[in-house]
Amino acid sequence: MDDDGSQSLLSGFHLVNRVGFLISTPTVPARVTIRVRLDSQRHGALATANRRRVLKAERVIVDYAPGSRLENLTDLLADLRHWCDEHDEDFRNLDDLAERHYVAECINEED
């Protein structure tokens, strides 16, 4: 709990007032601290925006081909790689950028 009574998640390893453990797959760079305030209104707005993103992706995946969602997603990812080859784009760099966008959409970074 923060000094103002709100709750937040803080990157790193801490033993004070811990309620549970969260382990993320993206690593936090050295000397960077990420604090996520658990503000219900803000969290609700972020959750709503991310839910819209999920629904847009769902429409693309379902409409992509007559296969299952997992088959369609796999085919779409493979075809996006082909698209990048055709247009001389670096899929791995774009995927790294997409991951940074994803992380930014999931957490609130504070200085």
PDB file of N, CA and C in Angstrom:
ATOM      1  N   MET A   1       0.845  -1.172   0.000  1.00  0.00           N
ATOM      2  CA  MET A   1       0.000   0.000   0.000  1.00  0.00           C
ATOM      3  C   MET A   1       0.892   1.238   0.000  1.00  0.00           C
ATOM      4  N   ASP A   2       0.527   2.208  -0.844  1.00  0.00           N
ATOM      5  CA  ASP A   2       1.295   3.443  -0.935  1.00  0.00           C
ATOM      6  C   ASP A   2       0.935   4.381   0.218  1.00  0.00           C
ATOM      7  N   ASP A   3       1.705   5.450   0.338  1.00  0.00           N
ATOM      8  CA  ASP A   3       1.477   6.420   1.416  1.00  0.00           C
ATOM      9  C   ASP A   3       0.082   7.030   1.365  1.00  0.00           C
ATOM     10  N   ASP A   4      -0.495   7.169   0.165  1.00  0.00           N
ATOM     11  CA  ASP A   4      -1.820   7.782   0.045  1.00  0.00           C
ATOM     12  C   ASP A   4      -2.958   6.766   0.197  1.00  0.00           C
ATOM     13  N   GLY A   5      -2.615   5.525   0.529  1.00  0.00           N
ATOM     14  CA  GLY A   5      -3.627   4.496   0.741  1.00  0.00           C
ATOM     15  C   GLY A   5      -3.963   3.685  -0.491  1.00  0.00           C
ATOM     16  N   SER A   6      -3.440   4.077  -1.642  1.00  0.00           N
ATOM     17  CA  SER A   6      -3.706   3.306  -2.860  1.00  0.00           C
ATOM     18  C   SER A   6      -2.725   2.138  -2.942  1.00  0.00           C
ATOM     19  N   GLN A   7      -3.054   1.206  -3.796  1.00  0.00           N
ATOM     20  CA  GLN A   7      -2.176   0.064  -3.991  1.00  0.00           C
ATOM     21  C   GLN A   7      -1.477   0.188  -5.332  1.00  0.00           C
ATOM     22  N   SER A   8      -0.273  -0.380  -5.411  1.00  0.00           N
ATOM     23  CA  SER A   8       0.446  -0.374  -6.679  1.00  0.00           C
ATOM     24  C   SER A   8       1.349  -1.587  -6.748  1.00  0.00           C
ATOM     25  N   LEU A   9       1.756  -1.883  -7.968  1.00  0.00           N
ATOM     26  CA  LEU A   9       2.748  -2.926  -8.231  1.00  0.00           C
ATOM     27  C   LEU A   9       4.046  -2.231  -8.577  1.00  0.00           C
ATOM     28  N   LEU A  10       5.143  -2.738  -8.055  1.00  0.00           N
ATOM     29  CA  LEU A  10       6.444  -2.127  -8.273  1.00  0.00           C
ATOM     30  C   LEU A  10       7.401  -3.173  -8.809  1.00  0.00           C
ATOM     31  N   SER A  11       8.127  -2.817  -9.876  1.00  0.00           N
ATOM     32  CA  SER A  11       9.070  -3.776 -10.446  1.00  0.00           C
ATOM     33  C   SER A  11      10.196  -4.055  -9.470  1.00  0.00           C
ATOM     34  N   GLY A  12      10.798  -5.215  -9.619  1.00  0.00           N
ATOM     35  CA  GLY A  12      11.906  -5.592  -8.750  1.00  0.00           C
ATOM     36  C   GLY A  12      11.462  -6.591  -7.696  1.00  0.00           C
ATOM     37  N   PHE A  13      12.361  -6.872  -6.786  1.00  0.00           N
ATOM     38  CA  PHE A  13      12.101  -7.830  -5.707  1.00  0.00           C
ATOM     39  C   PHE A  13      11.981  -7.064  -4.408  1.00  0.00           C
ATOM     40  N   HIS A  14      10.842  -7.191  -3.724  1.00  0.00           N
ATOM     41  CA  HIS A  14      10.587  -6.442  -2.496  1.00  0.00           C
ATOM     42  C   HIS A  14       9.959  -7.355  -1.455  1.00  0.00           C
ATOM     43  N   LEU A  15      10.340  -7.182  -0.186  1.00  0.00           N
ATOM     44  CA  LEU A  15       9.802  -8.003   0.886  1.00  0.00           C
ATOM     45  C   LEU A  15       8.849  -7.250   1.809  1.00  0.00           C
ATOM     46  N   VAL A  16       8.620  -5.976   1.582  1.00  0.00           N
ATOM     47  CA  VAL A  16       7.788  -5.168   2.465  1.00  0.00           C
ATOM     48  C   VAL A  16       6.338  -5.203   1.995  1.00  0.00           C
ATOM     49  N   ASN A  17       5.425  -5.555   2.895  1.00  0.00           N
ATOM     50  CA  ASN A  17       3.985  -5.528   2.632  1.00  0.00           C
ATOM     51  C   ASN A  17       3.582  -6.283   1.364  1.00  0.00           C
ATOM     52  N   ARG A  18       4.221  -7.365   1.080  1.00  0.00           N
ATOM     53  CA  ARG A  18       3.855  -8.078  -0.142  1.00  0.00           C
ATOM     54  C   ARG A  18       2.572  -8.875   0.073  1.00  0.00           C
ATOM     55  N   VAL A  19       1.755  -8.886  -0.956  1.00  0.00           N
ATOM     56  CA  VAL A  19       0.506  -9.613  -0.937  1.00  0.00           C
ATOM     57  C   VAL A  19       0.650 -10.885  -1.763  1.00  0.00           C
ATOM     58  N   GLY A  20       1.427 -10.814  -2.806  1.00  0.00           N
ATOM     59  CA  GLY A  20       1.627 -11.955  -3.685  1.00  0.00           C
ATOM     60  C   GLY A  20       2.782 -11.685  -4.619  1.00  0.00           C
ATOM     61  N   PHE A  21       2.993 -12.580  -5.530  1.00  0.00           N
ATOM     62  CA  PHE A  21       4.084 -12.445  -6.484  1.00  0.00           C
ATOM     63  C   PHE A  21       3.514 -12.374  -7.888  1.00  0.00           C
ATOM     64  N   LEU A  22       4.079 -11.519  -8.704  1.00  0.00           N
ATOM     65  CA  LEU A  22       3.761 -11.452 -10.123  1.00  0.00           C
ATOM     66  C   LEU A  22       5.071 -11.554 -10.885  1.00  0.00           C
ATOM     67  N   ILE A  23       5.104 -12.405 -11.869  1.00  0.00           N
ATOM     68  CA  ILE A  23       6.301 -12.551 -12.686  1.00  0.00           C
ATOM     69  C   ILE A  23       5.903 -12.242 -14.119  1.00  0.00           C
ATOM     70  N   SER A  24       6.599 -11.276 -14.732  1.00  0.00           N
ATOM     71  CA  SER A  24       6.273 -10.911 -16.108  1.00  0.00           C
ATOM     72  C   SER A  24       7.289 -11.523 -17.058  1.00  0.00           C
ATOM     73  N   THR A  25       6.873 -11.740 -18.287  1.00  0.00           N
ATOM     74  CA  THR A  25       7.802 -12.272 -19.272  1.00  0.00           C
ATOM     75  C   THR A  25       8.741 -11.207 -19.826  1.00  0.00           C
ATOM     76  N   PRO A  26       8.263  -9.954 -20.087  1.00  0.00           N
ATOM     77  CA  PRO A  26       9.230  -8.930 -20.502  1.00  0.00           C
ATOM     78  C   PRO A  26      10.083  -8.514 -19.298  1.00  0.00           C
ATOM     79  N   THR A  27      11.375  -8.433 -19.484  1.00  0.00           N
ATOM     80  CA  THR A  27      12.241  -8.012 -18.388  1.00  0.00           C
ATOM     81  C   THR A  27      12.301  -6.494 -18.328  1.00  0.00           C
ATOM     82  N   VAL A  28      12.526  -5.985 -17.130  1.00  0.00           N
ATOM     83  CA  VAL A  28      12.660  -4.544 -16.925  1.00  0.00           C
ATOM     84  C   VAL A  28      14.144  -4.206 -17.037  1.00  0.00           C
ATOM     85  N   PRO A  29      14.512  -3.248 -17.882  1.00  0.00           N
ATOM     86  CA  PRO A  29      15.922  -2.887 -18.024  1.00  0.00           C
ATOM     87  C   PRO A  29      16.529  -2.422 -16.693  1.00  0.00           C
ATOM     88  N   ALA A  30      17.840  -2.596 -16.554  1.00  0.00           N
ATOM     89  CA  ALA A  30      18.541  -2.158 -15.348  1.00  0.00           C
ATOM     90  C   ALA A  30      18.306  -0.672 -15.116  1.00  0.00           C
ATOM     91  N   ARG A  31      18.206  -0.290 -13.883  1.00  0.00           N
ATOM     92  CA  ARG A  31      18.009   1.096 -13.450  1.00  0.00           C
ATOM     93  C   ARG A  31      16.695   1.708 -13.934  1.00  0.00           C
ATOM     94  N   VAL A  32      15.723   0.856 -14.282  1.00  0.00           N
ATOM     95  CA  VAL A  32      14.396   1.330 -14.638  1.00  0.00           C
ATOM     96  C   VAL A  32      13.426   0.769 -13.610  1.00  0.00           C
ATOM     97  N   THR A  33      12.605   1.636 -13.065  1.00  0.00           N
ATOM     98  CA  THR A  33      11.588   1.212 -12.111  1.00  0.00           C
ATOM     99  C   THR A  33      10.222   1.446 -12.722  1.00  0.00           C
ATOM    100  N   ILE A  34       9.393   0.442 -12.656  1.00  0.00           N
ATOM    101  CA  ILE A  34       8.037   0.562 -13.162  1.00  0.00           C
ATOM    102  C   ILE A  34       7.090   0.419 -11.980  1.00  0.00           C
ATOM    103  N   ARG A  35       6.219   1.410 -11.816  1.00  0.00           N
ATOM    104  CA  ARG A  35       5.194   1.370 -10.770  1.00  0.00           C
ATOM    105  C   ARG A  35       3.846   1.427 -11.464  1.00  0.00           C
ATOM    106  N   VAL A  36       2.996   0.477 -11.153  1.00  0.00           N
ATOM    107  CA  VAL A  36       1.651   0.433 -11.706  1.00  0.00           C
ATOM    108  C   VAL A  36       0.681   0.682 -10.563  1.00  0.00           C
ATOM    109  N   ARG A  37       0.052   1.851 -10.600  1.00  0.00           N
ATOM    110  CA  ARG A  37      -0.944   2.178  -9.571  1.00  0.00           C
ATOM    111  C   ARG A  37      -2.228   1.439  -9.906  1.00  0.00           C
ATOM    112  N   LEU A  38      -2.805   0.837  -8.916  1.00  0.00           N
ATOM    113  CA  LEU A  38      -4.032   0.085  -9.117  1.00  0.00           C
ATOM    114  C   LEU A  38      -5.238   0.989  -8.862  1.00  0.00           C
ATOM    115  N   ASP A  39      -5.400   1.960  -9.715  1.00  0.00           N
ATOM    116  CA  ASP A  39      -6.497   2.909  -9.663  1.00  0.00           C
ATOM    117  C   ASP A  39      -7.648   2.298 -10.450  1.00  0.00           C
ATOM    118  N   SER A  40      -8.749   2.031  -9.794  1.00  0.00           N
ATOM    119  CA  SER A  40      -9.825   1.277 -10.432  1.00  0.00           C
ATOM    120  C   SER A  40     -10.388   1.987 -11.664  1.00  0.00           C
ATOM    121  N   GLN A  41     -10.537   3.319 -11.640  1.00  0.00           N
ATOM    122  CA  GLN A  41     -11.063   4.017 -12.809  1.00  0.00           C
ATOM    123  C   GLN A  41     -10.099   3.928 -13.971  1.00  0.00           C
ATOM    124  N   ARG A  42      -8.824   4.207 -13.693  1.00  0.00           N
ATOM    125  CA  ARG A  42      -7.832   4.160 -14.761  1.00  0.00           C
ATOM    126  C   ARG A  42      -7.672   2.740 -15.270  1.00  0.00           C
ATOM    127  N   HIS A  43      -7.623   1.784 -14.331  1.00  0.00           N
ATOM    128  CA  HIS A  43      -7.490   0.386 -14.727  1.00  0.00           C
ATOM    129  C   HIS A  43      -8.670  -0.017 -15.607  1.00  0.00           C
ATOM    130  N   GLY A  44      -9.863   0.454 -15.242  1.00  0.00           N
ATOM    131  CA  GLY A  44     -11.036   0.144 -16.038  1.00  0.00           C
ATOM    132  C   GLY A  44     -10.932   0.696 -17.447  1.00  0.00           C
ATOM    133  N   ALA A  45     -10.405   1.914 -17.590  1.00  0.00           N
ATOM    134  CA  ALA A  45     -10.245   2.514 -18.919  1.00  0.00           C
ATOM    135  C   ALA A  45      -9.218   1.741 -19.735  1.00  0.00           C
ATOM    136  N   LEU A  46      -8.106   1.349 -19.091  1.00  0.00           N
ATOM    137  CA  LEU A  46      -7.090   0.565 -19.799  1.00  0.00           C
ATOM    138  C   LEU A  46      -7.649  -0.785 -20.197  1.00  0.00           C
ATOM    139  N   ALA A  47      -8.382  -1.405 -19.297  1.00  0.00           N
ATOM    140  CA  ALA A  47      -8.965  -2.708 -19.600  1.00  0.00           C
ATOM    141  C   ALA A  47      -9.939  -2.598 -20.767  1.00  0.00           C
ATOM    142  N   THR A  48     -10.715  -1.522 -20.813  1.00  0.00           N
ATOM    143  CA  THR A  48     -11.668  -1.312 -21.907  1.00  0.00           C
ATOM    144  C   THR A  48     -10.934  -1.126 -23.229  1.00  0.00           C
ATOM    145  N   ALA A  49      -9.874  -0.319 -23.231  1.00  0.00           N
ATOM    146  CA  ALA A  49      -9.103  -0.106 -24.461  1.00  0.00           C
ATOM    147  C   ALA A  49      -8.466  -1.414 -24.926  1.00  0.00           C
ATOM    148  N   ASN A  50      -7.909  -2.168 -24.004  1.00  0.00           N
ATOM    149  CA  ASN A  50      -7.287  -3.437 -24.378  1.00  0.00           C
ATOM    150  C   ASN A  50      -8.338  -4.447 -24.832  1.00  0.00           C
ATOM    151  N   ARG A  51      -9.510  -4.397 -24.239  1.00  0.00           N
ATOM    152  CA  ARG A  51     -10.600  -5.290 -24.672  1.00  0.00           C
ATOM    153  C   ARG A  51     -10.986  -4.979 -26.114  1.00  0.00           C
ATOM    154  N   ARG A  52     -11.026  -3.684 -26.477  1.00  0.00           N
ATOM    155  CA  ARG A  52     -11.319  -3.308 -27.871  1.00  0.00           C
ATOM    156  C   ARG A  52     -10.253  -3.871 -28.808  1.00  0.00           C
ATOM    157  N   ARG A  53      -8.991  -3.828 -28.366  1.00  0.00           N
ATOM    158  CA  ARG A  53      -7.905  -4.380 -29.191  1.00  0.00           C
ATOM    159  C   ARG A  53      -8.100  -5.879 -29.405  1.00  0.00           C
ATOM    160  N   VAL A  54      -8.490  -6.578 -28.346  1.00  0.00           N
ATOM    161  CA  VAL A  54      -8.726  -8.021 -28.438  1.00  0.00           C
ATOM    162  C   VAL A  54      -9.858  -8.303 -29.419  1.00  0.00           C
ATOM    163  N   LEU A  55     -10.926  -7.539 -29.343  1.00  0.00           N
ATOM    164  CA  LEU A  55     -12.071  -7.762 -30.230  1.00  0.00           C
ATOM    165  C   LEU A  55     -11.709  -7.492 -31.691  1.00  0.00           C
ATOM    166  N   LYS A  56     -10.881  -6.457 -31.954  1.00  0.00           N
ATOM    167  CA  LYS A  56     -10.433  -6.200 -33.338  1.00  0.00           C
ATOM    168  C   LYS A  56      -9.612  -7.379 -33.847  1.00  0.00           C
ATOM    169  N   ALA A  57      -8.694  -7.864 -33.008  1.00  0.00           N
ATOM    170  CA  ALA A  57      -7.859  -9.001 -33.411  1.00  0.00           C
ATOM    171  C   ALA A  57      -8.720 -10.244 -33.628  1.00  0.00           C
ATOM    172  N   GLU A  58      -9.700 -10.433 -32.771  1.00  0.00           N
ATOM    173  CA  GLU A  58     -10.597 -11.595 -32.897  1.00  0.00           C
ATOM    174  C   GLU A  58     -11.305 -11.591 -34.245  1.00  0.00           C
ATOM    175  N   ARG A  59     -11.794 -10.423 -34.674  1.00  0.00           N
ATOM    176  CA  ARG A  59     -12.476 -10.334 -35.970  1.00  0.00           C
ATOM    177  C   ARG A  59     -11.537 -10.728 -37.106  1.00  0.00           C
ATOM    178  N   VAL A  60     -10.306 -10.246 -37.052  1.00  0.00           N
ATOM    179  CA  VAL A  60      -9.340 -10.568 -38.110  1.00  0.00           C
ATOM    180  C   VAL A  60      -9.047 -12.066 -38.116  1.00  0.00           C
ATOM    181  N   ILE A  61      -8.815 -12.627 -36.941  1.00  0.00           N
ATOM    182  CA  ILE A  61      -8.444 -14.049 -36.846  1.00  0.00           C
ATOM    183  C   ILE A  61      -9.592 -14.946 -37.313  1.00  0.00           C
ATOM    184  N   VAL A  62     -10.803 -14.659 -36.859  1.00  0.00           N
ATOM    185  CA  VAL A  62     -11.953 -15.494 -37.228  1.00  0.00           C
ATOM    186  C   VAL A  62     -12.230 -15.407 -38.724  1.00  0.00           C
ATOM    187  N   ASP A  63     -12.107 -14.210 -39.302  1.00  0.00           N
ATOM    188  CA  ASP A  63     -12.411 -14.010 -40.727  1.00  0.00           C
ATOM    189  C   ASP A  63     -11.262 -14.395 -41.649  1.00  0.00           C
ATOM    190  N   TYR A  64     -10.104 -14.721 -41.110  1.00  0.00           N
ATOM    191  CA  TYR A  64      -8.921 -14.927 -41.942  1.00  0.00           C
ATOM    192  C   TYR A  64      -9.054 -16.135 -42.863  1.00  0.00           C
ATOM    193  N   ALA A  65      -9.587 -17.225 -42.341  1.00  0.00           N
ATOM    194  CA  ALA A  65      -9.721 -18.460 -43.117  1.00  0.00           C
ATOM    195  C   ALA A  65     -10.791 -19.317 -42.439  1.00  0.00           C
ATOM    196  N   PRO A  66     -11.187 -20.402 -43.075  1.00  0.00           N
ATOM    197  CA  PRO A  66     -12.234 -21.234 -42.478  1.00  0.00           C
ATOM    198  C   PRO A  66     -11.732 -22.151 -41.348  1.00  0.00           C
ATOM    199  N   GLY A  67     -10.457 -22.073 -40.994  1.00  0.00           N
ATOM    200  CA  GLY A  67      -9.914 -22.953 -39.963  1.00  0.00           C
ATOM    201  C   GLY A  67     -10.257 -22.510 -38.549  1.00  0.00           C
ATOM    202  N   SER A  68      -9.665 -23.203 -37.596  1.00  0.00           N
ATOM    203  CA  SER A  68      -9.853 -22.838 -36.191  1.00  0.00           C
ATOM    204  C   SER A  68      -9.128 -21.525 -35.913  1.00  0.00           C
ATOM    205  N   ARG A  69      -9.440 -20.908 -34.791  1.00  0.00           N
ATOM    206  CA  ARG A  69      -8.773 -19.654 -34.428  1.00  0.00           C
ATOM    207  C   ARG A  69      -7.259 -19.840 -34.365  1.00  0.00           C
ATOM    208  N   LEU A  70      -6.822 -20.935 -33.750  1.00  0.00           N
ATOM    209  CA  LEU A  70      -5.381 -21.170 -33.613  1.00  0.00           C
ATOM    210  C   LEU A  70      -4.724 -21.379 -34.974  1.00  0.00           C
ATOM    211  N   GLU A  71      -5.370 -22.149 -35.859  1.00  0.00           N
ATOM    212  CA  GLU A  71      -4.837 -22.325 -37.219  1.00  0.00           C
ATOM    213  C   GLU A  71      -4.789 -20.984 -37.955  1.00  0.00           C
ATOM    214  N   ASN A  72      -5.852 -20.209 -37.837  1.00  0.00           N
ATOM    215  CA  ASN A  72      -5.905 -18.916 -38.514  1.00  0.00           C
ATOM    216  C   ASN A  72      -4.829 -17.969 -37.995  1.00  0.00           C
ATOM    217  N   LEU A  73      -4.645 -17.940 -36.689  1.00  0.00           N
ATOM    218  CA  LEU A  73      -3.617 -17.075 -36.118  1.00  0.00           C
ATOM    219  C   LEU A  73      -2.232 -17.498 -36.603  1.00  0.00           C
ATOM    220  N   THR A  74      -1.976 -18.793 -36.611  1.00  0.00           N
ATOM    221  CA  THR A  74      -0.688 -19.300 -37.081  1.00  0.00           C
ATOM    222  C   THR A  74      -0.468 -18.941 -38.550  1.00  0.00           C
ATOM    223  N   ASP A  75      -1.483 -19.153 -39.378  1.00  0.00           N
ATOM    224  CA  ASP A  75      -1.369 -18.814 -40.803  1.00  0.00           C
ATOM    225  C   ASP A  75      -1.185 -17.312 -41.004  1.00  0.00           C
ATOM    226  N   LEU A  76      -1.912 -16.504 -40.229  1.00  0.00           N
ATOM    227  CA  LEU A  76      -1.778 -15.055 -40.342  1.00  0.00           C
ATOM    228  C   LEU A  76      -0.361 -14.609 -39.993  1.00  0.00           C
ATOM    229  N   LEU A  77       0.194 -15.144 -38.917  1.00  0.00           N
ATOM    230  CA  LEU A  77       1.560 -14.773 -38.530  1.00  0.00           C
ATOM    231  C   LEU A  77       2.566 -15.181 -39.601  1.00  0.00           C
ATOM    232  N   ALA A  78       2.394 -16.377 -40.157  1.00  0.00           N
ATOM    233  CA  ALA A  78       3.286 -16.827 -41.232  1.00  0.00           C
ATOM    234  C   ALA A  78       3.136 -15.925 -42.454  1.00  0.00           C
ATOM    235  N   ASP A  79       1.888 -15.597 -42.799  1.00  0.00           N
ATOM    236  CA  ASP A  79       1.650 -14.754 -43.964  1.00  0.00           C
ATOM    237  C   ASP A  79       2.167 -13.339 -43.749  1.00  0.00           C
ATOM    238  N   LEU A  80       2.123 -12.838 -42.531  1.00  0.00           N
ATOM    239  CA  LEU A  80       2.706 -11.518 -42.253  1.00  0.00           C
ATOM    240  C   LEU A  80       4.218 -11.545 -42.446  1.00  0.00           C
ATOM    241  N   ARG A  81       4.837 -12.657 -42.145  1.00  0.00           N
ATOM    242  CA  ARG A  81       6.276 -12.789 -42.420  1.00  0.00           C
ATOM    243  C   ARG A  81       6.529 -12.726 -43.929  1.00  0.00           C
ATOM    244  N   HIS A  82       5.682 -13.432 -44.688  1.00  0.00           N
ATOM    245  CA  HIS A  82       5.812 -13.379 -46.156  1.00  0.00           C
ATOM    246  C   HIS A  82       5.595 -11.942 -46.657  1.00  0.00           C
ATOM    247  N   TRP A  83       4.612 -11.258 -46.086  1.00  0.00           N
ATOM    248  CA  TRP A  83       4.342  -9.873 -46.475  1.00  0.00           C
ATOM    249  C   TRP A  83       5.580  -9.011 -46.224  1.00  0.00           C
ATOM    250  N   CYS A  84       6.208  -9.201 -45.067  1.00  0.00           N
ATOM    251  CA  CYS A  84       7.416  -8.425 -44.746  1.00  0.00           C
ATOM    252  C   CYS A  84       8.530  -8.716 -45.740  1.00  0.00           C
ATOM    253  N   ASP A  85       8.683  -9.994 -46.109  1.00  0.00           N
ATOM    254  CA  ASP A  85       9.695 -10.347 -47.105  1.00  0.00           C
ATOM    255  C   ASP A  85       9.415  -9.629 -48.422  1.00  0.00           C
ATOM    256  N   GLU A  86       8.176  -9.663 -48.837  1.00  0.00           N
ATOM    257  CA  GLU A  86       7.768  -9.056 -50.110  1.00  0.00           C
ATOM    258  C   GLU A  86       7.984  -7.544 -50.127  1.00  0.00           C
ATOM    259  N   HIS A  87       7.821  -6.902 -48.969  1.00  0.00           N
ATOM    260  CA  HIS A  87       7.924  -5.449 -48.869  1.00  0.00           C
ATOM    261  C   HIS A  87       9.222  -4.989 -48.212  1.00  0.00           C
ATOM    262  N   ASP A  88      10.177  -5.907 -48.118  1.00  0.00           N
ATOM    263  CA  ASP A  88      11.497  -5.589 -47.574  1.00  0.00           C
ATOM    264  C   ASP A  88      11.421  -4.950 -46.180  1.00  0.00           C
ATOM    265  N   GLU A  89      10.573  -5.528 -45.326  1.00  0.00           N
ATOM    266  CA  GLU A  89      10.436  -5.096 -43.940  1.00  0.00           C
ATOM    267  C   GLU A  89      11.022  -6.176 -43.036  1.00  0.00           C
ATOM    268  N   ASP A  90      11.543  -5.773 -41.906  1.00  0.00           N
ATOM    269  CA  ASP A  90      12.150  -6.709 -40.955  1.00  0.00           C
ATOM    270  C   ASP A  90      11.102  -7.138 -39.930  1.00  0.00           C
ATOM    271  N   PHE A  91      10.586  -8.358 -40.093  1.00  0.00           N
ATOM    272  CA  PHE A  91       9.520  -8.834 -39.214  1.00  0.00           C
ATOM    273  C   PHE A  91       9.954  -8.829 -37.752  1.00  0.00           C
ATOM    274  N   ARG A  92      11.177  -9.264 -37.465  1.00  0.00           N
ATOM    275  CA  ARG A  92      11.634  -9.337 -36.070  1.00  0.00           C
ATOM    276  C   ARG A  92      11.678  -7.943 -35.427  1.00  0.00           C
ATOM    277  N   ASN A  93      12.153  -6.955 -36.155  1.00  0.00           N
ATOM    278  CA  ASN A  93      12.165  -5.589 -35.612  1.00  0.00           C
ATOM    279  C   ASN A  93      10.741  -5.078 -35.369  1.00  0.00           C
ATOM    280  N   LEU A  94       9.855  -5.365 -36.324  1.00  0.00           N
ATOM    281  CA  LEU A  94       8.465  -4.952 -36.148  1.00  0.00           C
ATOM    282  C   LEU A  94       7.820  -5.694 -34.981  1.00  0.00           C
ATOM    283  N   ASP A  95       8.167  -6.964 -34.811  1.00  0.00           N
ATOM    284  CA  ASP A  95       7.637  -7.735 -33.689  1.00  0.00           C
ATOM    285  C   ASP A  95       8.160  -7.183 -32.361  1.00  0.00           C
ATOM    286  N   ASP A  96       9.429  -6.786 -32.316  1.00  0.00           N
ATOM    287  CA  ASP A  96       9.974  -6.153 -31.106  1.00  0.00           C
ATOM    288  C   ASP A  96       9.237  -4.853 -30.798  1.00  0.00           C
ATOM    289  N   LEU A  97       8.984  -4.055 -31.833  1.00  0.00           N
ATOM    290  CA  LEU A  97       8.237  -2.816 -31.646  1.00  0.00           C
ATOM    291  C   LEU A  97       6.820  -3.106 -31.148  1.00  0.00           C
ATOM    292  N   ALA A  98       6.195  -4.124 -31.713  1.00  0.00           N
ATOM    293  CA  ALA A  98       4.851  -4.508 -31.285  1.00  0.00           C
ATOM    294  C   ALA A  98       4.853  -4.936 -29.816  1.00  0.00           C
ATOM    295  N   GLU A  99       5.893  -5.634 -29.400  1.00  0.00           N
ATOM    296  CA  GLU A  99       5.973  -6.037 -27.991  1.00  0.00           C
ATOM    297  C   GLU A  99       6.074  -4.822 -27.077  1.00  0.00           C
ATOM    298  N   ARG A 100       6.855  -3.826 -27.492  1.00  0.00           N
ATOM    299  CA  ARG A 100       6.955  -2.599 -26.684  1.00  0.00           C
ATOM    300  C   ARG A 100       5.600  -1.885 -26.612  1.00  0.00           C
ATOM    301  N   HIS A 101       4.875  -1.867 -27.718  1.00  0.00           N
ATOM    302  CA  HIS A 101       3.538  -1.281 -27.708  1.00  0.00           C
ATOM    303  C   HIS A 101       2.634  -2.059 -26.753  1.00  0.00           C
ATOM    304  N   TYR A 102       2.701  -3.377 -26.837  1.00  0.00           N
ATOM    305  CA  TYR A 102       1.883  -4.240 -25.981  1.00  0.00           C
ATOM    306  C   TYR A 102       2.172  -3.969 -24.500  1.00  0.00           C
ATOM    307  N   VAL A 103       3.448  -3.908 -24.136  1.00  0.00           N
ATOM    308  CA  VAL A 103       3.816  -3.658 -22.745  1.00  0.00           C
ATOM    309  C   VAL A 103       3.306  -2.290 -22.299  1.00  0.00           C
ATOM    310  N   ALA A 104       3.471  -1.283 -23.154  1.00  0.00           N
ATOM    311  CA  ALA A 104       3.004   0.061 -22.810  1.00  0.00           C
ATOM    312  C   ALA A 104       1.490   0.087 -22.636  1.00  0.00           C
ATOM    313  N   GLU A 105       0.780  -0.728 -23.394  1.00  0.00           N
ATOM    314  CA  GLU A 105      -0.677  -0.771 -23.281  1.00  0.00           C
ATOM    315  C   GLU A 105      -1.134  -1.533 -22.046  1.00  0.00           C
ATOM    316  N   CYS A 106      -0.268  -2.362 -21.494  1.00  0.00           N
ATOM    317  CA  CYS A 106      -0.629  -3.170 -20.341  1.00  0.00           C
ATOM    318  C   CYS A 106      -0.226  -2.569 -19.005  1.00  0.00           C
ATOM    319  N   ILE A 107       0.759  -1.698 -19.018  1.00  0.00           N
ATOM    320  CA  ILE A 107       1.230  -1.143 -17.747  1.00  0.00           C
ATOM    321  C   ILE A 107       1.311   0.373 -17.828  1.00  0.00           C
ATOM    322  N   ASN A 108       1.337   0.993 -16.687  1.00  0.00           N
ATOM    323  CA  ASN A 108       1.458   2.443 -16.613  1.00  0.00           C
ATOM    324  C   ASN A 108       2.828   2.753 -16.013  1.00  0.00           C
ATOM    325  N   GLU A 109       3.730   3.284 -16.820  1.00  0.00           N
ATOM    326  CA  GLU A 109       5.070   3.589 -16.315  1.00  0.00           C
ATOM    327  C   GLU A 109       5.067   4.973 -15.685  1.00  0.00           C
ATOM    328  N   GLU A 110       5.626   5.063 -14.487  1.00  0.00           N
ATOM    329  CA  GLU A 110       5.757   6.343 -13.804  1.00  0.00           C
ATOM    330  C   GLU A 110       7.228   6.574 -13.494  1.00  0.00           C
ATOM    331  N   ASP A 111       7.660   7.813 -13.562  1.00  0.00           N
ATOM    332  CA  ASP A 111       9.059   8.135 -13.220  1.00  0.00           C
ATOM    333  C   ASP A 111       9.270   8.050 -11.738  1.00  0.00           C
TER     334      ASP A 111
END
